[in-house]
Amino acid sequence: MQALELAKYDKILILGGDILSERNGSLIYAYQLWGDEFQYLNWYCDKLKNENNENYLKRSLNVAKEAIINAKIISEQLNKKCLIVFITD
């Protein structure tokens, strides 16, 4: 969440993100460890037609925040480590 605050402050678009977890000291996509049903945790946020840059920035940060909260809840339920990689503009 701190990274999102920094992105908001610096007006950095979060185009998407990948949720990773750790297995045997290596990082892998979380769904590879948690199960294919969790592929949806990786997300993207494309600019909508006629959406101005300011609204796109706000929406991209909101989508990222919701995705992070969702991934955190699931990682806690599974008792697994959750790491996030942001794709930025």
PDB file of N, CA and C in Angstrom:
ATOM      1  N   MET A   1       0.822  -1.188   0.000  1.00  0.00           N
ATOM      2  CA  MET A   1       0.000   0.000   0.000  1.00  0.00           C
ATOM      3  C   MET A   1       0.874   1.262   0.000  1.00  0.00           C
ATOM      4  N   GLN A   2       2.038   1.161   0.612  1.00  0.00           N
ATOM      5  CA  GLN A   2       2.945   2.308   0.594  1.00  0.00           C
ATOM      6  C   GLN A   2       3.393   2.624  -0.828  1.00  0.00           C
ATOM      7  N   ALA A   3       3.631   1.592  -1.614  1.00  0.00           N
ATOM      8  CA  ALA A   3       4.027   1.800  -3.006  1.00  0.00           C
ATOM      9  C   ALA A   3       2.923   2.506  -3.784  1.00  0.00           C
ATOM     10  N   LEU A   4       1.668   2.175  -3.487  1.00  0.00           N
ATOM     11  CA  LEU A   4       0.554   2.849  -4.153  1.00  0.00           C
ATOM     12  C   LEU A   4       0.496   4.324  -3.778  1.00  0.00           C
ATOM     13  N   GLU A   5       0.777   4.625  -2.523  1.00  0.00           N
ATOM     14  CA  GLU A   5       0.795   6.035  -2.092  1.00  0.00           C
ATOM     15  C   GLU A   5       1.896   6.794  -2.826  1.00  0.00           C
ATOM     16  N   LEU A   6       3.049   6.164  -2.984  1.00  0.00           N
ATOM     17  CA  LEU A   6       4.135   6.805  -3.729  1.00  0.00           C
ATOM     18  C   LEU A   6       3.756   6.997  -5.191  1.00  0.00           C
ATOM     19  N   ALA A   7       3.122   5.993  -5.782  1.00  0.00           N
ATOM     20  CA  ALA A   7       2.681   6.098  -7.175  1.00  0.00           C
ATOM     21  C   ALA A   7       1.660   7.218  -7.322  1.00  0.00           C
ATOM     22  N   LYS A   8       0.760   7.318  -6.370  1.00  0.00           N
ATOM     23  CA  LYS A   8      -0.245   8.385  -6.403  1.00  0.00           C
ATOM     24  C   LYS A   8       0.428   9.749  -6.317  1.00  0.00           C
ATOM     25  N   TYR A   9       1.356   9.888  -5.402  1.00  0.00           N
ATOM     26  CA  TYR A   9       2.077  11.153  -5.202  1.00  0.00           C
ATOM     27  C   TYR A   9       2.849  11.549  -6.460  1.00  0.00           C
ATOM     28  N   ASP A  10       3.500  10.565  -7.085  1.00  0.00           N
ATOM     29  CA  ASP A  10       4.301  10.832  -8.277  1.00  0.00           C
ATOM     30  C   ASP A  10       3.511  10.715  -9.576  1.00  0.00           C
ATOM     31  N   LYS A  11       2.204  10.431  -9.462  1.00  0.00           N
ATOM     32  CA  LYS A  11       1.311  10.310 -10.612  1.00  0.00           C
ATOM     33  C   LYS A  11       1.799   9.250 -11.605  1.00  0.00           C
ATOM     34  N   ILE A  12       2.093   8.069 -11.044  1.00  0.00           N
ATOM     35  CA  ILE A  12       2.557   6.938 -11.850  1.00  0.00           C
ATOM     36  C   ILE A  12       1.386   5.989 -12.064  1.00  0.00           C
ATOM     37  N   LEU A  13       1.103   5.700 -13.316  1.00  0.00           N
ATOM     38  CA  LEU A  13       0.043   4.749 -13.645  1.00  0.00           C
ATOM     39  C   LEU A  13       0.469   3.330 -13.270  1.00  0.00           C
ATOM     40  N   ILE A  14      -0.448   2.592 -12.666  1.00  0.00           N
ATOM     41  CA  ILE A  14      -0.236   1.175 -12.420  1.00  0.00           C
ATOM     42  C   ILE A  14      -1.030   0.448 -13.507  1.00  0.00           C
ATOM     43  N   LEU A  15      -0.334  -0.053 -14.505  1.00  0.00           N
ATOM     44  CA  LEU A  15      -0.985  -0.690 -15.646  1.00  0.00           C
ATOM     45  C   LEU A  15      -1.473  -2.099 -15.319  1.00  0.00           C
ATOM     46  N   GLY A  16      -0.890  -2.691 -14.295  1.00  0.00           N
ATOM     47  CA  GLY A  16      -1.272  -4.039 -13.895  1.00  0.00           C
ATOM     48  C   GLY A  16      -0.332  -4.546 -12.840  1.00  0.00           C
ATOM     49  N   GLY A  17      -0.515  -5.808 -12.508  1.00  0.00           N
ATOM     50  CA  GLY A  17       0.348  -6.388 -11.497  1.00  0.00           C
ATOM     51  C   GLY A  17       0.298  -7.900 -11.505  1.00  0.00           C
ATOM     52  N   ASP A  18       1.366  -8.477 -11.001  1.00  0.00           N
ATOM     53  CA  ASP A  18       1.464  -9.922 -10.864  1.00  0.00           C
ATOM     54  C   ASP A  18       1.609 -10.258  -9.390  1.00  0.00           C
ATOM     55  N   ILE A  19       0.945 -11.313  -8.974  1.00  0.00           N
ATOM     56  CA  ILE A  19       1.013 -11.789  -7.602  1.00  0.00           C
ATOM     57  C   ILE A  19       1.961 -12.985  -7.589  1.00  0.00           C
ATOM     58  N   LEU A  20       2.991 -12.883  -6.774  1.00  0.00           N
ATOM     59  CA  LEU A  20       3.992 -13.930  -6.671  1.00  0.00           C
ATOM     60  C   LEU A  20       3.968 -14.542  -5.282  1.00  0.00           C
ATOM     61  N   SER A  21       4.518 -15.732  -5.185  1.00  0.00           N
ATOM     62  CA  SER A  21       4.690 -16.404  -3.906  1.00  0.00           C
ATOM     63  C   SER A  21       6.045 -17.102  -3.943  1.00  0.00           C
ATOM     64  N   GLU A  22       6.437 -17.652  -2.821  1.00  0.00           N
ATOM     65  CA  GLU A  22       7.753 -18.269  -2.718  1.00  0.00           C
ATOM     66  C   GLU A  22       7.636 -19.778  -2.549  1.00  0.00           C
ATOM     67  N   ARG A  23       8.456 -20.493  -3.302  1.00  0.00           N
ATOM     68  CA  ARG A  23       8.540 -21.948  -3.156  1.00  0.00           C
ATOM     69  C   ARG A  23      10.011 -22.338  -3.241  1.00  0.00           C
ATOM     70  N   ASN A  24      10.486 -22.968  -2.205  1.00  0.00           N
ATOM     71  CA  ASN A  24      11.878 -23.436  -2.148  1.00  0.00           C
ATOM     72  C   ASN A  24      12.876 -22.324  -2.442  1.00  0.00           C
ATOM     73  N   GLY A  25      12.600 -21.130  -1.914  1.00  0.00           N
ATOM     74  CA  GLY A  25      13.514 -20.007  -2.078  1.00  0.00           C
ATOM     75  C   GLY A  25      13.434 -19.293  -3.407  1.00  0.00           C
ATOM     76  N   SER A  26      12.502 -19.691  -4.274  1.00  0.00           N
ATOM     77  CA  SER A  26      12.333 -19.043  -5.578  1.00  0.00           C
ATOM     78  C   SER A  26      10.956 -18.394  -5.664  1.00  0.00           C
ATOM     79  N   LEU A  27      10.889 -17.286  -6.388  1.00  0.00           N
ATOM     80  CA  LEU A  27       9.606 -16.630  -6.614  1.00  0.00           C
ATOM     81  C   LEU A  27       8.939 -17.224  -7.838  1.00  0.00           C
ATOM     82  N   ILE A  28       7.649 -17.505  -7.702  1.00  0.00           N
ATOM     83  CA  ILE A  28       6.843 -18.017  -8.808  1.00  0.00           C
ATOM     84  C   ILE A  28       5.491 -17.310  -8.775  1.00  0.00           C
ATOM     85  N   TYR A  29       4.776 -17.385  -9.891  1.00  0.00           N
ATOM     86  CA  TYR A  29       3.415 -16.847  -9.882  1.00  0.00           C
ATOM     87  C   TYR A  29       2.625 -17.582  -8.813  1.00  0.00           C
ATOM     88  N   ALA A  30       1.863 -16.833  -8.048  1.00  0.00           N
ATOM     89  CA  ALA A  30       1.124 -17.411  -6.922  1.00  0.00           C
ATOM     90  C   ALA A  30       0.215 -18.550  -7.374  1.00  0.00           C
ATOM     91  N   TYR A  31      -0.448 -18.385  -8.510  1.00  0.00           N
ATOM     92  CA  TYR A  31      -1.384 -19.428  -8.949  1.00  0.00           C
ATOM     93  C   TYR A  31      -0.677 -20.755  -9.216  1.00  0.00           C
ATOM     94  N   GLN A  32       0.624 -20.715  -9.521  1.00  0.00           N
ATOM     95  CA  GLN A  32       1.365 -21.955  -9.746  1.00  0.00           C
ATOM     96  C   GLN A  32       1.520 -22.759  -8.455  1.00  0.00           C
ATOM     97  N   LEU A  33       1.477 -22.066  -7.333  1.00  0.00           N
ATOM     98  CA  LEU A  33       1.585 -22.716  -6.032  1.00  0.00           C
ATOM     99  C   LEU A  33       0.217 -22.896  -5.386  1.00  0.00           C
ATOM    100  N   TRP A  34      -0.632 -21.900  -5.541  1.00  0.00           N
ATOM    101  CA  TRP A  34      -1.929 -21.892  -4.860  1.00  0.00           C
ATOM    102  C   TRP A  34      -3.011 -22.629  -5.637  1.00  0.00           C
ATOM    103  N   GLY A  35      -2.847 -22.732  -6.955  1.00  0.00           N
ATOM    104  CA  GLY A  35      -3.837 -23.379  -7.807  1.00  0.00           C
ATOM    105  C   GLY A  35      -4.262 -22.479  -8.951  1.00  0.00           C
ATOM    106  N   ASP A  36      -4.598 -23.099 -10.087  1.00  0.00           N
ATOM    107  CA  ASP A  36      -4.973 -22.339 -11.284  1.00  0.00           C
ATOM    108  C   ASP A  36      -6.181 -21.435 -11.084  1.00  0.00           C
ATOM    109  N   GLU A  37      -7.034 -21.754 -10.110  1.00  0.00           N
ATOM    110  CA  GLU A  37      -8.216 -20.924  -9.871  1.00  0.00           C
ATOM    111  C   GLU A  37      -7.853 -19.511  -9.391  1.00  0.00           C
ATOM    112  N   PHE A  38      -6.569 -19.295  -9.067  1.00  0.00           N
ATOM    113  CA  PHE A  38      -6.134 -17.984  -8.588  1.00  0.00           C
ATOM    114  C   PHE A  38      -5.400 -17.174  -9.658  1.00  0.00           C
ATOM    115  N   GLN A  39      -5.471 -17.607 -10.920  1.00  0.00           N
ATOM    116  CA  GLN A  39      -4.839 -16.840 -12.000  1.00  0.00           C
ATOM    117  C   GLN A  39      -5.408 -15.428 -12.096  1.00  0.00           C
ATOM    118  N   TYR A  40      -6.680 -15.281 -11.727  1.00  0.00           N
ATOM    119  CA  TYR A  40      -7.333 -13.971 -11.815  1.00  0.00           C
ATOM    120  C   TYR A  40      -6.683 -12.933 -10.906  1.00  0.00           C
ATOM    121  N   LEU A  41      -5.873 -13.361  -9.945  1.00  0.00           N
ATOM    122  CA  LEU A  41      -5.252 -12.400  -9.036  1.00  0.00           C
ATOM    123  C   LEU A  41      -4.297 -11.462  -9.771  1.00  0.00           C
ATOM    124  N   ASN A  42      -3.657 -11.936 -10.846  1.00  0.00           N
ATOM    125  CA  ASN A  42      -2.859 -11.044 -11.684  1.00  0.00           C
ATOM    126  C   ASN A  42      -3.844 -10.135 -12.420  1.00  0.00           C
ATOM    127  N   TRP A  43      -3.545  -8.879 -12.520  1.00  0.00           N
ATOM    128  CA  TRP A  43      -4.519  -7.948 -13.084  1.00  0.00           C
ATOM    129  C   TRP A  43      -3.872  -6.963 -14.060  1.00  0.00           C
ATOM    130  N   TYR A  44      -4.747  -6.288 -14.804  1.00  0.00           N
ATOM    131  CA  TYR A  44      -4.332  -5.204 -15.685  1.00  0.00           C
ATOM    132  C   TYR A  44      -5.416  -4.139 -15.671  1.00  0.00           C
ATOM    133  N   CYS A  45      -5.047  -2.948 -16.094  1.00  0.00           N
ATOM    134  CA  CYS A  45      -5.991  -1.833 -16.121  1.00  0.00           C
ATOM    135  C   CYS A  45      -5.704  -1.012 -17.376  1.00  0.00           C
ATOM    136  N   ASP A  46      -6.463  -1.271 -18.429  1.00  0.00           N
ATOM    137  CA  ASP A  46      -6.317  -0.529 -19.680  1.00  0.00           C
ATOM    138  C   ASP A  46      -7.096   0.776 -19.610  1.00  0.00           C
ATOM    139  N   LYS A  47      -6.605   1.747 -20.329  1.00  0.00           N
ATOM    140  CA  LYS A  47      -7.302   3.029 -20.416  1.00  0.00           C
ATOM    141  C   LYS A  47      -8.585   2.851 -21.218  1.00  0.00           C
ATOM    142  N   LEU A  48      -9.661   3.426 -20.695  1.00  0.00           N
ATOM    143  CA  LEU A  48     -10.951   3.352 -21.377  1.00  0.00           C
ATOM    144  C   LEU A  48     -11.030   4.407 -22.470  1.00  0.00           C
ATOM    145  N   LYS A  49     -11.821   4.119 -23.480  1.00  0.00           N
ATOM    146  CA  LYS A  49     -12.038   5.081 -24.558  1.00  0.00           C
ATOM    147  C   LYS A  49     -12.610   6.357 -23.949  1.00  0.00           C
ATOM    148  N   ASN A  50     -12.079   7.492 -24.350  1.00  0.00           N
ATOM    149  CA  ASN A  50     -12.508   8.814 -23.893  1.00  0.00           C
ATOM    150  C   ASN A  50     -12.206   9.086 -22.420  1.00  0.00           C
ATOM    151  N   GLU A  51     -11.380   8.253 -21.778  1.00  0.00           N
ATOM    152  CA  GLU A  51     -11.006   8.483 -20.383  1.00  0.00           C
ATOM    153  C   GLU A  51      -9.803   9.423 -20.355  1.00  0.00           C
ATOM    154  N   ASN A  52      -9.901  10.497 -19.568  1.00  0.00           N
ATOM    155  CA  ASN A  52      -8.758  11.399 -19.489  1.00  0.00           C
ATOM    156  C   ASN A  52      -7.681  10.810 -18.577  1.00  0.00           C
ATOM    157  N   ASN A  53      -6.483  11.352 -18.667  1.00  0.00           N
ATOM    158  CA  ASN A  53      -5.338  10.799 -17.939  1.00  0.00           C
ATOM    159  C   ASN A  53      -5.533  10.846 -16.426  1.00  0.00           C
ATOM    160  N   GLU A  54      -6.126  11.890 -15.917  1.00  0.00           N
ATOM    161  CA  GLU A  54      -6.339  12.016 -14.472  1.00  0.00           C
ATOM    162  C   GLU A  54      -7.274  10.922 -13.955  1.00  0.00           C
ATOM    163  N   ASN A  55      -8.368  10.681 -14.662  1.00  0.00           N
ATOM    164  CA  ASN A  55      -9.303   9.626 -14.248  1.00  0.00           C
ATOM    165  C   ASN A  55      -8.690   8.241 -14.403  1.00  0.00           C
ATOM    166  N   TYR A  56      -7.894   8.071 -15.453  1.00  0.00           N
ATOM    167  CA  TYR A  56      -7.222   6.788 -15.652  1.00  0.00           C
ATOM    168  C   TYR A  56      -6.245   6.513 -14.500  1.00  0.00           C
ATOM    169  N   LEU A  57      -5.506   7.517 -14.106  1.00  0.00           N
ATOM    170  CA  LEU A  57      -4.578   7.376 -12.989  1.00  0.00           C
ATOM    171  C   LEU A  57      -5.319   6.957 -11.720  1.00  0.00           C
ATOM    172  N   LYS A  58      -6.397   7.656 -11.405  1.00  0.00           N
ATOM    173  CA  LYS A  58      -7.176   7.333 -10.208  1.00  0.00           C
ATOM    174  C   LYS A  58      -7.731   5.916 -10.272  1.00  0.00           C
ATOM    175  N   ARG A  59      -8.283   5.556 -11.419  1.00  0.00           N
ATOM    176  CA  ARG A  59      -8.869   4.227 -11.561  1.00  0.00           C
ATOM    177  C   ARG A  59      -7.798   3.149 -11.481  1.00  0.00           C
ATOM    178  N   SER A  60      -6.640   3.387 -12.096  1.00  0.00           N
ATOM    179  CA  SER A  60      -5.569   2.379 -12.064  1.00  0.00           C
ATOM    180  C   SER A  60      -5.104   2.138 -10.630  1.00  0.00           C
ATOM    181  N   LEU A  61      -5.047   3.174  -9.829  1.00  0.00           N
ATOM    182  CA  LEU A  61      -4.647   3.026  -8.432  1.00  0.00           C
ATOM    183  C   LEU A  61      -5.726   2.301  -7.626  1.00  0.00           C
ATOM    184  N   ASN A  62      -6.982   2.579  -7.916  1.00  0.00           N
ATOM    185  CA  ASN A  62      -8.075   1.893  -7.222  1.00  0.00           C
ATOM    186  C   ASN A  62      -8.124   0.402  -7.591  1.00  0.00           C
ATOM    187  N   VAL A  63      -7.932   0.097  -8.865  1.00  0.00           N
ATOM    188  CA  VAL A  63      -7.920  -1.299  -9.303  1.00  0.00           C
ATOM    189  C   VAL A  63      -6.766  -2.033  -8.619  1.00  0.00           C
ATOM    190  N   ALA A  64      -5.602  -1.405  -8.562  1.00  0.00           N
ATOM    191  CA  ALA A  64      -4.439  -2.015  -7.910  1.00  0.00           C
ATOM    192  C   ALA A  64      -4.718  -2.247  -6.420  1.00  0.00           C
ATOM    193  N   LYS A  65      -5.308  -1.263  -5.765  1.00  0.00           N
ATOM    194  CA  LYS A  65      -5.609  -1.400  -4.335  1.00  0.00           C
ATOM    195  C   LYS A  65      -6.556  -2.567  -4.084  1.00  0.00           C
ATOM    196  N   GLU A  66      -7.601  -2.677  -4.879  1.00  0.00           N
ATOM    197  CA  GLU A  66      -8.561  -3.780  -4.726  1.00  0.00           C
ATOM    198  C   GLU A  66      -7.874  -5.128  -4.970  1.00  0.00           C
ATOM    199  N   ALA A  67      -7.003  -5.191  -5.968  1.00  0.00           N
ATOM    200  CA  ALA A  67      -6.301  -6.437  -6.282  1.00  0.00           C
ATOM    201  C   ALA A  67      -5.369  -6.843  -5.140  1.00  0.00           C
ATOM    202  N   ILE A  68      -4.695  -5.872  -4.555  1.00  0.00           N
ATOM    203  CA  ILE A  68      -3.775  -6.149  -3.448  1.00  0.00           C
ATOM    204  C   ILE A  68      -4.539  -6.654  -2.228  1.00  0.00           C
ATOM    205  N   ILE A  69      -5.641  -5.998  -1.919  1.00  0.00           N
ATOM    206  CA  ILE A  69      -6.459  -6.424  -0.771  1.00  0.00           C
ATOM    207  C   ILE A  69      -6.958  -7.846  -0.979  1.00  0.00           C
ATOM    208  N   ASN A  70      -7.439  -8.135  -2.167  1.00  0.00           N
ATOM    209  CA  ASN A  70      -7.942  -9.469  -2.485  1.00  0.00           C
ATOM    210  C   ASN A  70      -6.836 -10.522  -2.365  1.00  0.00           C
ATOM    211  N   ALA A  71      -5.664 -10.235  -2.912  1.00  0.00           N
ATOM    212  CA  ALA A  71      -4.538 -11.173  -2.846  1.00  0.00           C
ATOM    213  C   ALA A  71      -4.093 -11.387  -1.401  1.00  0.00           C
ATOM    214  N   LYS A  72      -4.104 -10.332  -0.615  1.00  0.00           N
ATOM    215  CA  LYS A  72      -3.709 -10.436   0.795  1.00  0.00           C
ATOM    216  C   LYS A  72      -4.665 -11.345   1.561  1.00  0.00           C
ATOM    217  N   ILE A  73      -5.948 -11.175   1.340  1.00  0.00           N
ATOM    218  CA  ILE A  73      -6.950 -12.010   2.017  1.00  0.00           C
ATOM    219  C   ILE A  73      -6.729 -13.485   1.675  1.00  0.00           C
ATOM    220  N   ILE A  74      -6.537 -13.771   0.403  1.00  0.00           N
ATOM    221  CA  ILE A  74      -6.356 -15.157  -0.017  1.00  0.00           C
ATOM    222  C   ILE A  74      -5.042 -15.719   0.516  1.00  0.00           C
ATOM    223  N   SER A  75      -3.974 -14.931   0.462  1.00  0.00           N
ATOM    224  CA  SER A  75      -2.690 -15.426   0.960  1.00  0.00           C
ATOM    225  C   SER A  75      -2.767 -15.739   2.452  1.00  0.00           C
ATOM    226  N   GLU A  76      -3.511 -14.928   3.202  1.00  0.00           N
ATOM    227  CA  GLU A  76      -3.675 -15.194   4.628  1.00  0.00           C
ATOM    228  C   GLU A  76      -4.503 -16.453   4.863  1.00  0.00           C
ATOM    229  N   GLN A  77      -5.538 -16.655   4.053  1.00  0.00           N
ATOM    230  CA  GLN A  77      -6.354 -17.866   4.184  1.00  0.00           C
ATOM    231  C   GLN A  77      -5.532 -19.123   3.898  1.00  0.00           C
ATOM    232  N   LEU A  78      -4.616 -19.015   2.936  1.00  0.00           N
ATOM    233  CA  LEU A  78      -3.793 -20.156   2.544  1.00  0.00           C
ATOM    234  C   LEU A  78      -2.495 -20.243   3.352  1.00  0.00           C
ATOM    235  N   ASN A  79      -2.259 -19.217   4.166  1.00  0.00           N
ATOM    236  CA  ASN A  79      -1.028 -19.134   4.954  1.00  0.00           C
ATOM    237  C   ASN A  79       0.211 -19.179   4.044  1.00  0.00           C
ATOM    238  N   LYS A  80       0.162 -18.378   2.984  1.00  0.00           N
ATOM    239  CA  LYS A  80       1.247 -18.307   2.009  1.00  0.00           C
ATOM    240  C   LYS A  80       1.759 -16.878   1.916  1.00  0.00           C
ATOM    241  N   LYS A  81       3.005 -16.755   1.508  1.00  0.00           N
ATOM    242  CA  LYS A  81       3.609 -15.440   1.300  1.00  0.00           C
ATOM    243  C   LYS A  81       3.078 -14.848  -0.006  1.00  0.00           C
ATOM    244  N   CYS A  82       2.835 -13.545   0.016  1.00  0.00           N
ATOM    245  CA  CYS A  82       2.285 -12.852  -1.145  1.00  0.00           C
ATOM    246  C   CYS A  82       3.169 -11.651  -1.473  1.00  0.00           C
ATOM    247  N   LEU A  83       3.679 -11.614  -2.689  1.00  0.00           N
ATOM    248  CA  LEU A  83       4.499 -10.503  -3.155  1.00  0.00           C
ATOM    249  C   LEU A  83       3.866  -9.948  -4.420  1.00  0.00           C
ATOM    250  N   ILE A  84       3.994  -8.650  -4.615  1.00  0.00           N
ATOM    251  CA  ILE A  84       3.342  -7.989  -5.743  1.00  0.00           C
ATOM    252  C   ILE A  84       4.364  -7.289  -6.609  1.00  0.00           C
ATOM    253  N   VAL A  85       4.242  -7.492  -7.909  1.00  0.00           N
ATOM    254  CA  VAL A  85       5.066  -6.784  -8.887  1.00  0.00           C
ATOM    255  C   VAL A  85       4.141  -5.875  -9.684  1.00  0.00           C
ATOM    256  N   PHE A  86       4.434  -4.588  -9.677  1.00  0.00           N
ATOM    257  CA  PHE A  86       3.636  -3.618 -10.432  1.00  0.00           C
ATOM    258  C   PHE A  86       4.194  -3.451 -11.835  1.00  0.00           C
ATOM    259  N   ILE A  87       3.310  -3.328 -12.798  1.00  0.00           N
ATOM    260  CA  ILE A  87       3.664  -2.930 -14.143  1.00  0.00           C
ATOM    261  C   ILE A  87       3.249  -1.470 -14.242  1.00  0.00           C
ATOM    262  N   THR A  88       4.213  -0.614 -14.493  1.00  0.00           N
ATOM    263  CA  THR A  88       3.937   0.825 -14.512  1.00  0.00           C
ATOM    264  C   THR A  88       4.185   1.402 -15.890  1.00  0.00           C
ATOM    265  N   ASP A  89       3.694   2.619 -16.041  1.00  0.00           N
ATOM    266  CA  ASP A  89       3.882   3.338 -17.298  1.00  0.00           C
ATOM    267  C   ASP A  89       5.190   4.089 -17.257  1.00  0.00           C
TER     268      ASP A  89
END
